[in-house]
Amino acid sequence: MSNIAKDDPTNCPKPEDLVTPVLKSNTYTTGRGGTGNMAHNDPQRPEVARAAQDVEAPPQHEPQGPKHYGRGGAANIIEDGQTRKSVEAKRKSEEEKREAAANKGLLAKGKDMLNKLGKK
């Protein structure tokens, strides 16, 4: 599936493309590579070769400390034990306070201007 052009139906993988290959040589590579990672193939026990070739990903661990989410910025940090909703609610309340202060400042400026006009 593509977001720029239509998919080419001939380019999709077929079931036969997804079959695990059979080792046909006398030796095979194991692990991530290197000259010491060669083993002899036993055609009577192909599962041994298959298991030796599979490389498991290192276990994922949850990072300690604050977590970041969204596109970045100081408002997108969650401390341990907090939920995203509580952080967003705190940010919204801070934004509302700033907007209220800005509106109050504008109202005060308008009153000052009207008072100055009235004195003339």
PDB file of N, CA and C in Angstrom:
ATOM      1  N   MET A   1       0.846  -1.164   0.000  1.00  0.00           N
ATOM      2  CA  MET A   1       0.000   0.000   0.000  1.00  0.00           C
ATOM      3  C   MET A   1       0.897   1.234   0.000  1.00  0.00           C
ATOM      4  N   SER A   2       0.486   2.239  -0.754  1.00  0.00           N
ATOM      5  CA  SER A   2       1.324   3.415  -0.900  1.00  0.00           C
ATOM      6  C   SER A   2       0.481   4.664  -0.746  1.00  0.00           C
ATOM      7  N   ASN A   3       1.081   5.731  -0.293  1.00  0.00           N
ATOM      8  CA  ASN A   3       0.339   6.974  -0.160  1.00  0.00           C
ATOM      9  C   ASN A   3       0.672   7.947  -1.287  1.00  0.00           C
ATOM     10  N   ILE A   4       1.510   7.548  -2.235  1.00  0.00           N
ATOM     11  CA  ILE A   4       1.892   8.429  -3.331  1.00  0.00           C
ATOM     12  C   ILE A   4       1.357   7.914  -4.657  1.00  0.00           C
ATOM     13  N   ALA A   5       1.504   6.653  -4.931  1.00  0.00           N
ATOM     14  CA  ALA A   5       1.062   6.063  -6.191  1.00  0.00           C
ATOM     15  C   ALA A   5       0.311   4.774  -5.904  1.00  0.00           C
ATOM     16  N   LYS A   6      -0.399   4.304  -6.914  1.00  0.00           N
ATOM     17  CA  LYS A   6      -1.138   3.055  -6.751  1.00  0.00           C
ATOM     18  C   LYS A   6      -0.164   1.892  -6.618  1.00  0.00           C
ATOM     19  N   ASP A   7      -0.601   0.876  -5.882  1.00  0.00           N
ATOM     20  CA  ASP A   7       0.214  -0.323  -5.703  1.00  0.00           C
ATOM     21  C   ASP A   7       0.313  -1.103  -7.006  1.00  0.00           C
ATOM     22  N   ASP A   8       1.446  -1.735  -7.196  1.00  0.00           N
ATOM     23  CA  ASP A   8       1.648  -2.630  -8.325  1.00  0.00           C
ATOM     24  C   ASP A   8       1.266  -4.027  -7.855  1.00  0.00           C
ATOM     25  N   PRO A   9       0.172  -4.595  -8.369  1.00  0.00           N
ATOM     26  CA  PRO A   9      -0.264  -5.909  -7.870  1.00  0.00           C
ATOM     27  C   PRO A   9       0.747  -7.018  -8.142  1.00  0.00           C
ATOM     28  N   THR A  10       1.625  -6.839  -9.123  1.00  0.00           N
ATOM     29  CA  THR A  10       2.630  -7.869  -9.397  1.00  0.00           C
ATOM     30  C   THR A  10       3.787  -7.801  -8.410  1.00  0.00           C
ATOM     31  N   ASN A  11       3.865  -6.717  -7.629  1.00  0.00           N
ATOM     32  CA  ASN A  11       4.967  -6.517  -6.692  1.00  0.00           C
ATOM     33  C   ASN A  11       4.654  -7.071  -5.300  1.00  0.00           C
ATOM     34  N   CYS A  12       3.450  -7.561  -5.067  1.00  0.00           N
ATOM     35  CA  CYS A  12       3.064  -8.096  -3.758  1.00  0.00           C
ATOM     36  C   CYS A  12       3.701  -9.467  -3.552  1.00  0.00           C
ATOM     37  N   PRO A  13       4.102  -9.790  -2.315  1.00  0.00           N
ATOM     38  CA  PRO A  13       4.702 -11.112  -2.075  1.00  0.00           C
ATOM     39  C   PRO A  13       3.667 -12.217  -2.247  1.00  0.00           C
ATOM     40  N   LYS A  14       4.112 -13.312  -2.789  1.00  0.00           N
ATOM     41  CA  LYS A  14       3.263 -14.485  -2.987  1.00  0.00           C
ATOM     42  C   LYS A  14       3.571 -15.477  -1.863  1.00  0.00           C
ATOM     43  N   PRO A  15       2.664 -16.387  -1.571  1.00  0.00           N
ATOM     44  CA  PRO A  15       2.912 -17.349  -0.482  1.00  0.00           C
ATOM     45  C   PRO A  15       4.210 -18.128  -0.659  1.00  0.00           C
ATOM     46  N   GLU A  16       4.566 -18.459  -1.892  1.00  0.00           N
ATOM     47  CA  GLU A  16       5.808 -19.219  -2.098  1.00  0.00           C
ATOM     48  C   GLU A  16       7.043 -18.375  -1.810  1.00  0.00           C
ATOM     49  N   ASP A  17       6.912 -17.031  -1.860  1.00  0.00           N
ATOM     50  CA  ASP A  17       8.034 -16.153  -1.518  1.00  0.00           C
ATOM     51  C   ASP A  17       8.296 -16.133  -0.010  1.00  0.00           C
ATOM     52  N   LEU A  18       7.292 -16.485   0.773  1.00  0.00           N
ATOM     53  CA  LEU A  18       7.392 -16.386   2.227  1.00  0.00           C
ATOM     54  C   LEU A  18       7.771 -17.704   2.902  1.00  0.00           C
ATOM     55  N   VAL A  19       8.036 -18.725   2.137  1.00  0.00           N
ATOM     56  CA  VAL A  19       8.417 -20.029   2.684  1.00  0.00           C
ATOM     57  C   VAL A  19       9.855 -19.951   3.187  1.00  0.00           C
ATOM     58  N   THR A  20      10.103 -20.545   4.340  1.00  0.00           N
ATOM     59  CA  THR A  20      11.456 -20.571   4.894  1.00  0.00           C
ATOM     60  C   THR A  20      12.366 -21.356   3.958  1.00  0.00           C
ATOM     61  N   PRO A  21      13.505 -20.771   3.575  1.00  0.00           N
ATOM     62  CA  PRO A  21      14.380 -21.467   2.630  1.00  0.00           C
ATOM     63  C   PRO A  21      15.010 -22.717   3.254  1.00  0.00           C
ATOM     64  N   VAL A  22      15.323 -23.663   2.398  1.00  0.00           N
ATOM     65  CA  VAL A  22      15.980 -24.902   2.820  1.00  0.00           C
ATOM     66  C   VAL A  22      17.474 -24.753   2.556  1.00  0.00           C
ATOM     67  N   LEU A  23      18.282 -25.106   3.544  1.00  0.00           N
ATOM     68  CA  LEU A  23      19.735 -25.030   3.381  1.00  0.00           C
ATOM     69  C   LEU A  23      20.210 -26.203   2.532  1.00  0.00           C
ATOM     70  N   LYS A  24      20.965 -25.889   1.476  1.00  0.00           N
ATOM     71  CA  LYS A  24      21.406 -26.938   0.560  1.00  0.00           C
ATOM     72  C   LYS A  24      22.915 -27.156   0.595  1.00  0.00           C
ATOM     73  N   SER A  25      23.649 -26.282   1.249  1.00  0.00           N
ATOM     74  CA  SER A  25      25.106 -26.426   1.287  1.00  0.00           C
ATOM     75  C   SER A  25      25.533 -27.229   2.519  1.00  0.00           C
ATOM     76  N   ASN A  26      26.814 -27.596   2.559  1.00  0.00           N
ATOM     77  CA  ASN A  26      27.340 -28.372   3.686  1.00  0.00           C
ATOM     78  C   ASN A  26      27.539 -27.523   4.934  1.00  0.00           C
ATOM     79  N   THR A  27      27.730 -26.215   4.763  1.00  0.00           N
ATOM     80  CA  THR A  27      27.903 -25.311   5.905  1.00  0.00           C
ATOM     81  C   THR A  27      26.916 -24.164   5.780  1.00  0.00           C
ATOM     82  N   TYR A  28      26.649 -23.529   6.892  1.00  0.00           N
ATOM     83  CA  TYR A  28      25.747 -22.380   6.910  1.00  0.00           C
ATOM     84  C   TYR A  28      26.254 -21.389   7.948  1.00  0.00           C
ATOM     85  N   THR A  29      25.807 -20.138   7.826  1.00  0.00           N
ATOM     86  CA  THR A  29      26.208 -19.107   8.786  1.00  0.00           C
ATOM     87  C   THR A  29      25.214 -19.070   9.927  1.00  0.00           C
ATOM     88  N   THR A  30      25.701 -18.726  11.093  1.00  0.00           N
ATOM     89  CA  THR A  30      24.847 -18.607  12.271  1.00  0.00           C
ATOM     90  C   THR A  30      25.036 -17.234  12.879  1.00  0.00           C
ATOM     91  N   GLY A  31      24.111 -16.825  13.689  1.00  0.00           N
ATOM     92  CA  GLY A  31      24.239 -15.555  14.405  1.00  0.00           C
ATOM     93  C   GLY A  31      24.249 -14.358  13.480  1.00  0.00           C
ATOM     94  N   ARG A  32      24.992 -13.353  13.855  1.00  0.00           N
ATOM     95  CA  ARG A  32      25.018 -12.099  13.118  1.00  0.00           C
ATOM     96  C   ARG A  32      26.134 -12.021  12.089  1.00  0.00           C
ATOM     97  N   GLY A  33      26.976 -12.986  12.003  1.00  0.00           N
ATOM     98  CA  GLY A  33      28.032 -12.952  10.998  1.00  0.00           C
ATOM     99  C   GLY A  33      29.398 -13.148  11.616  1.00  0.00           C
ATOM    100  N   GLY A  34      30.417 -13.112  10.771  1.00  0.00           N
ATOM    101  CA  GLY A  34      31.782 -13.330  11.230  1.00  0.00           C
ATOM    102  C   GLY A  34      32.274 -14.701  10.804  1.00  0.00           C
ATOM    103  N   THR A  35      33.575 -14.856  10.708  1.00  0.00           N
ATOM    104  CA  THR A  35      34.136 -16.121  10.220  1.00  0.00           C
ATOM    105  C   THR A  35      33.950 -17.260  11.203  1.00  0.00           C
ATOM    106  N   GLY A  36      33.795 -16.990  12.472  1.00  0.00           N
ATOM    107  CA  GLY A  36      33.621 -18.049  13.468  1.00  0.00           C
ATOM    108  C   GLY A  36      32.197 -18.545  13.556  1.00  0.00           C
ATOM    109  N   ASN A  37      31.304 -17.997  12.768  1.00  0.00           N
ATOM    110  CA  ASN A  37      29.896 -18.364  12.858  1.00  0.00           C
ATOM    111  C   ASN A  37      29.473 -19.300  11.733  1.00  0.00           C
ATOM    112  N   MET A  38      30.315 -20.256  11.396  1.00  0.00           N
ATOM    113  CA  MET A  38      29.993 -21.246  10.369  1.00  0.00           C
ATOM    114  C   MET A  38      29.775 -22.591  11.064  1.00  0.00           C
ATOM    115  N   ALA A  39      28.755 -23.316  10.611  1.00  0.00           N
ATOM    116  CA  ALA A  39      28.452 -24.627  11.198  1.00  0.00           C
ATOM    117  C   ALA A  39      28.191 -25.628  10.075  1.00  0.00           C
ATOM    118  N   HIS A  40      28.367 -26.901  10.383  1.00  0.00           N
ATOM    119  CA  HIS A  40      28.114 -27.959   9.399  1.00  0.00           C
ATOM    120  C   HIS A  40      26.627 -28.283   9.383  1.00  0.00           C
ATOM    121  N   ASN A  41      26.100 -28.447   8.196  1.00  0.00           N
ATOM    122  CA  ASN A  41      24.682 -28.739   8.014  1.00  0.00           C
ATOM    123  C   ASN A  41      24.430 -30.236   8.153  1.00  0.00           C
ATOM    124  N   ASP A  42      23.461 -30.590   8.979  1.00  0.00           N
ATOM    125  CA  ASP A  42      23.039 -31.981   9.122  1.00  0.00           C
ATOM    126  C   ASP A  42      21.673 -32.109   8.444  1.00  0.00           C
ATOM    127  N   PRO A  43      21.606 -32.688   7.237  1.00  0.00           N
ATOM    128  CA  PRO A  43      20.330 -32.763   6.520  1.00  0.00           C
ATOM    129  C   PRO A  43      19.266 -33.566   7.263  1.00  0.00           C
ATOM    130  N   GLN A  44      19.677 -34.420   8.195  1.00  0.00           N
ATOM    131  CA  GLN A  44      18.712 -35.215   8.955  1.00  0.00           C
ATOM    132  C   GLN A  44      18.041 -34.390  10.055  1.00  0.00           C
ATOM    133  N   ARG A  45      18.679 -33.277  10.437  1.00  0.00           N
ATOM    134  CA  ARG A  45      18.137 -32.433  11.518  1.00  0.00           C
ATOM    135  C   ARG A  45      18.121 -30.964  11.077  1.00  0.00           C
ATOM    136  N   PRO A  46      17.241 -30.575  10.156  1.00  0.00           N
ATOM    137  CA  PRO A  46      17.212 -29.200   9.659  1.00  0.00           C
ATOM    138  C   PRO A  46      16.788 -28.185  10.723  1.00  0.00           C
ATOM    139  N   GLU A  47      16.083 -28.649  11.753  1.00  0.00           N
ATOM    140  CA  GLU A  47      15.633 -27.717  12.802  1.00  0.00           C
ATOM    141  C   GLU A  47      16.807 -27.134  13.578  1.00  0.00           C
ATOM    142  N   VAL A  48      17.919 -27.858  13.664  1.00  0.00           N
ATOM    143  CA  VAL A  48      19.106 -27.351  14.357  1.00  0.00           C
ATOM    144  C   VAL A  48      19.682 -26.165  13.593  1.00  0.00           C
ATOM    145  N   ALA A  49      19.781 -26.304  12.283  1.00  0.00           N
ATOM    146  CA  ALA A  49      20.299 -25.209  11.458  1.00  0.00           C
ATOM    147  C   ALA A  49      19.369 -24.005  11.510  1.00  0.00           C
ATOM    148  N   ARG A  50      18.077 -24.250  11.456  1.00  0.00           N
ATOM    149  CA  ARG A  50      17.103 -23.151  11.481  1.00  0.00           C
ATOM    150  C   ARG A  50      17.206 -22.381  12.802  1.00  0.00           C
ATOM    151  N   ALA A  51      17.315 -23.102  13.905  1.00  0.00           N
ATOM    152  CA  ALA A  51      17.421 -22.451  15.214  1.00  0.00           C
ATOM    153  C   ALA A  51      18.726 -21.681  15.346  1.00  0.00           C
ATOM    154  N   ALA A  52      19.808 -22.209  14.758  1.00  0.00           N
ATOM    155  CA  ALA A  52      21.106 -21.533  14.848  1.00  0.00           C
ATOM    156  C   ALA A  52      21.133 -20.253  14.026  1.00  0.00           C
ATOM    157  N   GLN A  53      20.339 -20.184  12.970  1.00  0.00           N
ATOM    158  CA  GLN A  53      20.328 -18.993  12.125  1.00  0.00           C
ATOM    159  C   GLN A  53      19.443 -17.894  12.683  1.00  0.00           C
ATOM    160  N   ASP A  54      18.463 -18.243  13.480  1.00  0.00           N
ATOM    161  CA  ASP A  54      17.568 -17.228  14.038  1.00  0.00           C
ATOM    162  C   ASP A  54      18.306 -16.394  15.071  1.00  0.00           C
ATOM    163  N   VAL A  55      18.238 -15.107  14.909  1.00  0.00           N
ATOM    164  CA  VAL A  55      18.858 -14.184  15.857  1.00  0.00           C
ATOM    165  C   VAL A  55      17.732 -13.480  16.595  1.00  0.00           C
ATOM    166  N   GLU A  56      17.703 -13.644  17.899  1.00  0.00           N
ATOM    167  CA  GLU A  56      16.664 -12.998  18.692  1.00  0.00           C
ATOM    168  C   GLU A  56      17.064 -11.569  18.998  1.00  0.00           C
ATOM    169  N   ALA A  57      16.072 -10.701  18.988  1.00  0.00           N
ATOM    170  CA  ALA A  57      16.313  -9.302  19.326  1.00  0.00           C
ATOM    171  C   ALA A  57      16.600  -9.197  20.813  1.00  0.00           C
ATOM    172  N   PRO A  58      17.416  -8.227  21.204  1.00  0.00           N
ATOM    173  CA  PRO A  58      17.650  -8.051  22.640  1.00  0.00           C
ATOM    174  C   PRO A  58      16.339  -7.680  23.333  1.00  0.00           C
ATOM    175  N   PRO A  59      16.152  -8.111  24.561  1.00  0.00           N
ATOM    176  CA  PRO A  59      14.895  -7.807  25.250  1.00  0.00           C
ATOM    177  C   PRO A  59      14.718  -6.299  25.427  1.00  0.00           C
ATOM    178  N   GLN A  60      13.502  -5.847  25.208  1.00  0.00           N
ATOM    179  CA  GLN A  60      13.186  -4.431  25.368  1.00  0.00           C
ATOM    180  C   GLN A  60      12.930  -4.150  26.843  1.00  0.00           C
ATOM    181  N   HIS A  61      13.441  -3.051  27.323  1.00  0.00           N
ATOM    182  CA  HIS A  61      13.190  -2.666  28.705  1.00  0.00           C
ATOM    183  C   HIS A  61      12.527  -1.293  28.717  1.00  0.00           C
ATOM    184  N   GLU A  62      11.744  -1.080  29.737  1.00  0.00           N
ATOM    185  CA  GLU A  62      11.054   0.198  29.893  1.00  0.00           C
ATOM    186  C   GLU A  62      12.053   1.222  30.407  1.00  0.00           C
ATOM    187  N   PRO A  63      12.213   2.342  29.709  1.00  0.00           N
ATOM    188  CA  PRO A  63      13.178   3.341  30.175  1.00  0.00           C
ATOM    189  C   PRO A  63      12.762   3.925  31.526  1.00  0.00           C
ATOM    190  N   GLN A  64      13.753   4.223  32.342  1.00  0.00           N
ATOM    191  CA  GLN A  64      13.501   4.806  33.654  1.00  0.00           C
ATOM    192  C   GLN A  64      13.441   6.326  33.525  1.00  0.00           C
ATOM    193  N   GLY A  65      12.751   6.966  34.438  1.00  0.00           N
ATOM    194  CA  GLY A  65      12.681   8.420  34.425  1.00  0.00           C
ATOM    195  C   GLY A  65      11.504   8.920  33.605  1.00  0.00           C
ATOM    196  N   PRO A  66      11.505  10.214  33.284  1.00  0.00           N
ATOM    197  CA  PRO A  66      10.372  10.794  32.559  1.00  0.00           C
ATOM    198  C   PRO A  66      10.242  10.215  31.150  1.00  0.00           C
ATOM    199  N   LYS A  67       9.001  10.128  30.680  1.00  0.00           N
ATOM    200  CA  LYS A  67       8.710   9.615  29.340  1.00  0.00           C
ATOM    201  C   LYS A  67       8.306  10.798  28.458  1.00  0.00           C
ATOM    202  N   HIS A  68       8.686  10.738  27.197  1.00  0.00           N
ATOM    203  CA  HIS A  68       8.340  11.781  26.238  1.00  0.00           C
ATOM    204  C   HIS A  68       7.310  11.224  25.265  1.00  0.00           C
ATOM    205  N   TYR A  69       6.367  12.029  24.873  1.00  0.00           N
ATOM    206  CA  TYR A  69       5.384  11.625  23.882  1.00  0.00           C
ATOM    207  C   TYR A  69       5.093  12.820  22.992  1.00  0.00           C
ATOM    208  N   GLY A  70       4.397  12.595  21.897  1.00  0.00           N
ATOM    209  CA  GLY A  70       4.057  13.682  20.984  1.00  0.00           C
ATOM    210  C   GLY A  70       5.248  14.094  20.153  1.00  0.00           C
ATOM    211  N   ARG A  71       5.266  15.342  19.721  1.00  0.00           N
ATOM    212  CA  ARG A  71       6.309  15.825  18.824  1.00  0.00           C
ATOM    213  C   ARG A  71       7.479  16.446  19.554  1.00  0.00           C
ATOM    214  N   GLY A  72       7.430  16.539  20.834  1.00  0.00           N
ATOM    215  CA  GLY A  72       8.543  17.114  21.577  1.00  0.00           C
ATOM    216  C   GLY A  72       8.110  18.349  22.336  1.00  0.00           C
ATOM    217  N   GLY A  73       9.026  18.902  23.080  1.00  0.00           N
ATOM    218  CA  GLY A  73       8.718  20.081  23.870  1.00  0.00           C
ATOM    219  C   GLY A  73       8.533  19.727  25.327  1.00  0.00           C
ATOM    220  N   ALA A  74       8.625  20.732  26.162  1.00  0.00           N
ATOM    221  CA  ALA A  74       8.559  20.517  27.606  1.00  0.00           C
ATOM    222  C   ALA A  74       7.185  20.042  28.054  1.00  0.00           C
ATOM    223  N   ALA A  75       6.144  20.366  27.302  1.00  0.00           N
ATOM    224  CA  ALA A  75       4.794  19.971  27.706  1.00  0.00           C
ATOM    225  C   ALA A  75       4.506  18.509  27.403  1.00  0.00           C
ATOM    226  N   ASN A  76       5.391  17.826  26.739  1.00  0.00           N
ATOM    227  CA  ASN A  76       5.156  16.442  26.353  1.00  0.00           C
ATOM    228  C   ASN A  76       5.989  15.466  27.173  1.00  0.00           C
ATOM    229  N   ILE A  77       6.108  15.726  28.456  1.00  0.00           N
ATOM    230  CA  ILE A  77       6.884  14.863  29.345  1.00  0.00           C
ATOM    231  C   ILE A  77       5.965  14.350  30.446  1.00  0.00           C
ATOM    232  N   ILE A  78       6.033  13.059  30.709  1.00  0.00           N
ATOM    233  CA  ILE A  78       5.256  12.452  31.791  1.00  0.00           C
ATOM    234  C   ILE A  78       6.246  11.901  32.804  1.00  0.00           C
ATOM    235  N   GLU A  79       6.095  12.293  34.054  1.00  0.00           N
ATOM    236  CA  GLU A  79       6.923  11.748  35.128  1.00  0.00           C
ATOM    237  C   GLU A  79       6.408  10.357  35.486  1.00  0.00           C
ATOM    238  N   ASP A  80       7.216   9.560  36.156  1.00  0.00           N
ATOM    239  CA  ASP A  80       6.789   8.230  36.581  1.00  0.00           C
ATOM    240  C   ASP A  80       5.543   8.342  37.450  1.00  0.00           C
ATOM    241  N   GLY A  81       4.565   7.485  37.193  1.00  0.00           N
ATOM    242  CA  GLY A  81       3.345   7.463  37.985  1.00  0.00           C
ATOM    243  C   GLY A  81       2.261   8.390  37.470  1.00  0.00           C
ATOM    244  N   GLN A  82       2.574   9.308  36.578  1.00  0.00           N
ATOM    245  CA  GLN A  82       1.564  10.201  36.028  1.00  0.00           C
ATOM    246  C   GLN A  82       0.929   9.551  34.808  1.00  0.00           C
ATOM    247  N   THR A  83      -0.237  10.046  34.467  1.00  0.00           N
ATOM    248  CA  THR A  83      -0.869   9.606  33.229  1.00  0.00           C
ATOM    249  C   THR A  83      -0.868  10.762  32.248  1.00  0.00           C
ATOM    250  N   ARG A  84      -1.012  10.433  30.992  1.00  0.00           N
ATOM    251  CA  ARG A  84      -1.001  11.465  29.954  1.00  0.00           C
ATOM    252  C   ARG A  84      -2.163  12.430  30.144  1.00  0.00           C
ATOM    253  N   LYS A  85      -3.324  11.920  30.572  1.00  0.00           N
ATOM    254  CA  LYS A  85      -4.490  12.784  30.750  1.00  0.00           C
ATOM    255  C   LYS A  85      -4.231  13.840  31.813  1.00  0.00           C
ATOM    256  N   SER A  86      -3.592  13.456  32.927  1.00  0.00           N
ATOM    257  CA  SER A  86      -3.349  14.432  33.989  1.00  0.00           C
ATOM    258  C   SER A  86      -2.364  15.491  33.527  1.00  0.00           C
ATOM    259  N   VAL A  87      -1.391  15.104  32.724  1.00  0.00           N
ATOM    260  CA  VAL A  87      -0.419  16.063  32.209  1.00  0.00           C
ATOM    261  C   VAL A  87      -1.102  17.026  31.248  1.00  0.00           C
ATOM    262  N   GLU A  88      -1.965  16.482  30.373  1.00  0.00           N
ATOM    263  CA  GLU A  88      -2.668  17.341  29.421  1.00  0.00           C
ATOM    264  C   GLU A  88      -3.621  18.286  30.149  1.00  0.00           C
ATOM    265  N   ALA A  89      -4.286  17.808  31.194  1.00  0.00           N
ATOM    266  CA  ALA A  89      -5.191  18.669  31.953  1.00  0.00           C
ATOM    267  C   ALA A  89      -4.413  19.803  32.617  1.00  0.00           C
ATOM    268  N   LYS A  90      -3.247  19.491  33.166  1.00  0.00           N
ATOM    269  CA  LYS A  90      -2.413  20.517  33.794  1.00  0.00           C
ATOM    270  C   LYS A  90      -1.982  21.550  32.759  1.00  0.00           C
ATOM    271  N   ARG A  91      -1.580  21.080  31.571  1.00  0.00           N
ATOM    272  CA  ARG A  91      -1.143  21.993  30.520  1.00  0.00           C
ATOM    273  C   ARG A  91      -2.299  22.881  30.068  1.00  0.00           C
ATOM    274  N   LYS A  92      -3.501  22.306  29.927  1.00  0.00           N
ATOM    275  CA  LYS A  92      -4.658  23.098  29.506  1.00  0.00           C
ATOM    276  C   LYS A  92      -4.997  24.157  30.544  1.00  0.00           C
ATOM    277  N   SER A  93      -4.918  23.798  31.837  1.00  0.00           N
ATOM    278  CA  SER A  93      -5.236  24.787  32.869  1.00  0.00           C
ATOM    279  C   SER A  93      -4.212  25.915  32.865  1.00  0.00           C
ATOM    280  N   GLU A  94      -2.942  25.587  32.608  1.00  0.00           N
ATOM    281  CA  GLU A  94      -1.922  26.636  32.517  1.00  0.00           C
ATOM    282  C   GLU A  94      -2.160  27.526  31.308  1.00  0.00           C
ATOM    283  N   GLU A  95      -2.581  26.936  30.180  1.00  0.00           N
ATOM    284  CA  GLU A  95      -2.886  27.726  28.988  1.00  0.00           C
ATOM    285  C   GLU A  95      -4.071  28.646  29.249  1.00  0.00           C
ATOM    286  N   GLU A  96      -5.096  28.136  29.943  1.00  0.00           N
ATOM    287  CA  GLU A  96      -6.266  28.954  30.256  1.00  0.00           C
ATOM    288  C   GLU A  96      -5.882  30.129  31.149  1.00  0.00           C
ATOM    289  N   LYS A  97      -4.990  29.902  32.115  1.00  0.00           N
ATOM    290  CA  LYS A  97      -4.543  30.994  32.988  1.00  0.00           C
ATOM    291  C   LYS A  97      -3.816  32.065  32.187  1.00  0.00           C
ATOM    292  N   ARG A  98      -2.944  31.632  31.251  1.00  0.00           N
ATOM    293  CA  ARG A  98      -2.217  32.600  30.419  1.00  0.00           C
ATOM    294  C   ARG A  98      -3.173  33.397  29.544  1.00  0.00           C
ATOM    295  N   GLU A  99      -4.166  32.707  28.948  1.00  0.00           N
ATOM    296  CA  GLU A  99      -5.133  33.396  28.099  1.00  0.00           C
ATOM    297  C   GLU A  99      -5.953  34.385  28.919  1.00  0.00           C
ATOM    298  N   ALA A 100      -6.340  33.987  30.127  1.00  0.00           N
ATOM    299  CA  ALA A 100      -7.112  34.887  30.982  1.00  0.00           C
ATOM    300  C   ALA A 100      -6.283  36.116  31.341  1.00  0.00           C
ATOM    301  N   ALA A 101      -5.004  35.914  31.636  1.00  0.00           N
ATOM    302  CA  ALA A 101      -4.138  37.046  31.960  1.00  0.00           C
ATOM    303  C   ALA A 101      -3.963  37.950  30.747  1.00  0.00           C
ATOM    304  N   ALA A 102      -3.832  37.370  29.565  1.00  0.00           N
ATOM    305  CA  ALA A 102      -3.677  38.171  28.348  1.00  0.00           C
ATOM    306  C   ALA A 102      -4.950  38.947  28.058  1.00  0.00           C
ATOM    307  N   ASN A 103      -6.117  38.315  28.237  1.00  0.00           N
ATOM    308  CA  ASN A 103      -7.384  39.007  28.000  1.00  0.00           C
ATOM    309  C   ASN A 103      -7.599  40.113  29.021  1.00  0.00           C
ATOM    310  N   LYS A 104      -7.244  39.866  30.264  1.00  0.00           N
ATOM    311  CA  LYS A 104      -7.391  40.871  31.307  1.00  0.00           C
ATOM    312  C   LYS A 104      -6.481  42.057  31.002  1.00  0.00           C
ATOM    313  N   GLY A 105      -5.293  41.769  30.533  1.00  0.00           N
ATOM    314  CA  GLY A 105      -4.372  42.841  30.170  1.00  0.00           C
ATOM    315  C   GLY A 105      -4.928  43.673  29.030  1.00  0.00           C
ATOM    316  N   LEU A 106      -5.557  43.050  28.060  1.00  0.00           N
ATOM    317  CA  LEU A 106      -6.142  43.760  26.931  1.00  0.00           C
ATOM    318  C   LEU A 106      -7.316  44.605  27.397  1.00  0.00           C
ATOM    319  N   LEU A 107      -8.129  44.074  28.300  1.00  0.00           N
ATOM    320  CA  LEU A 107      -9.264  44.822  28.840  1.00  0.00           C
ATOM    321  C   LEU A 107      -8.778  46.043  29.617  1.00  0.00           C
ATOM    322  N   ALA A 108      -7.752  45.856  30.419  1.00  0.00           N
ATOM    323  CA  ALA A 108      -7.201  46.981  31.181  1.00  0.00           C
ATOM    324  C   ALA A 108      -6.641  48.040  30.246  1.00  0.00           C
ATOM    325  N   LYS A 109      -5.984  47.632  29.176  1.00  0.00           N
ATOM    326  CA  LYS A 109      -5.460  48.588  28.201  1.00  0.00           C
ATOM    327  C   LYS A 109      -6.593  49.364  27.545  1.00  0.00           C
ATOM    328  N   GLY A 110      -7.679  48.663  27.236  1.00  0.00           N
ATOM    329  CA  GLY A 110      -8.835  49.334  26.626  1.00  0.00           C
ATOM    330  C   GLY A 110      -9.440  50.364  27.568  1.00  0.00           C
ATOM    331  N   LYS A 111      -9.553  50.025  28.852  1.00  0.00           N
ATOM    332  CA  LYS A 111     -10.091  50.974  29.834  1.00  0.00           C
ATOM    333  C   LYS A 111      -9.196  52.196  29.961  1.00  0.00           C
ATOM    334  N   ASP A 112      -7.889  51.970  29.994  1.00  0.00           N
ATOM    335  CA  ASP A 112      -6.948  53.088  30.079  1.00  0.00           C
ATOM    336  C   ASP A 112      -7.095  54.008  28.877  1.00  0.00           C
ATOM    337  N   MET A 113      -7.236  53.421  27.703  1.00  0.00           N
ATOM    338  CA  MET A 113      -7.361  54.226  26.495  1.00  0.00           C
ATOM    339  C   MET A 113      -8.655  55.040  26.528  1.00  0.00           C
ATOM    340  N   LEU A 114      -9.750  54.431  26.964  1.00  0.00           N
ATOM    341  CA  LEU A 114     -11.018  55.155  27.045  1.00  0.00           C
ATOM    342  C   LEU A 114     -10.956  56.262  28.095  1.00  0.00           C
ATOM    343  N   ASN A 115     -10.285  56.003  29.207  1.00  0.00           N
ATOM    344  CA  ASN A 115     -10.133  57.036  30.240  1.00  0.00           C
ATOM    345  C   ASN A 115      -9.342  58.217  29.708  1.00  0.00           C
ATOM    346  N   LYS A 116      -8.298  57.956  28.936  1.00  0.00           N
ATOM    347  CA  LYS A 116      -7.495  59.033  28.364  1.00  0.00           C
ATOM    348  C   LYS A 116      -8.307  59.835  27.363  1.00  0.00           C
ATOM    349  N   LEU A 117      -9.132  59.165  26.576  1.00  0.00           N
ATOM    350  CA  LEU A 117      -9.965  59.873  25.602  1.00  0.00           C
ATOM    351  C   LEU A 117     -11.033  60.714  26.304  1.00  0.00           C
ATOM    352  N   GLY A 118     -11.551  60.218  27.400  1.00  0.00           N
ATOM    353  CA  GLY A 118     -12.590  60.934  28.136  1.00  0.00           C
ATOM    354  C   GLY A 118     -12.070  62.170  28.845  1.00  0.00           C
ATOM    355  N   LYS A 119     -10.794  62.243  29.158  1.00  0.00           N
ATOM    356  CA  LYS A 119     -10.224  63.380  29.878  1.00  0.00           C
ATOM    357  C   LYS A 119     -10.012  64.572  28.968  1.00  0.00           C
ATOM    358  N   LYS A 120      -9.972  64.418  27.665  1.00  0.00           N
ATOM    359  CA  LYS A 120      -9.703  65.527  26.756  1.00  0.00           C
ATOM    360  C   LYS A 120     -10.851  66.417  26.595  1.00  0.00           C
TER     361      LYS A 120
END
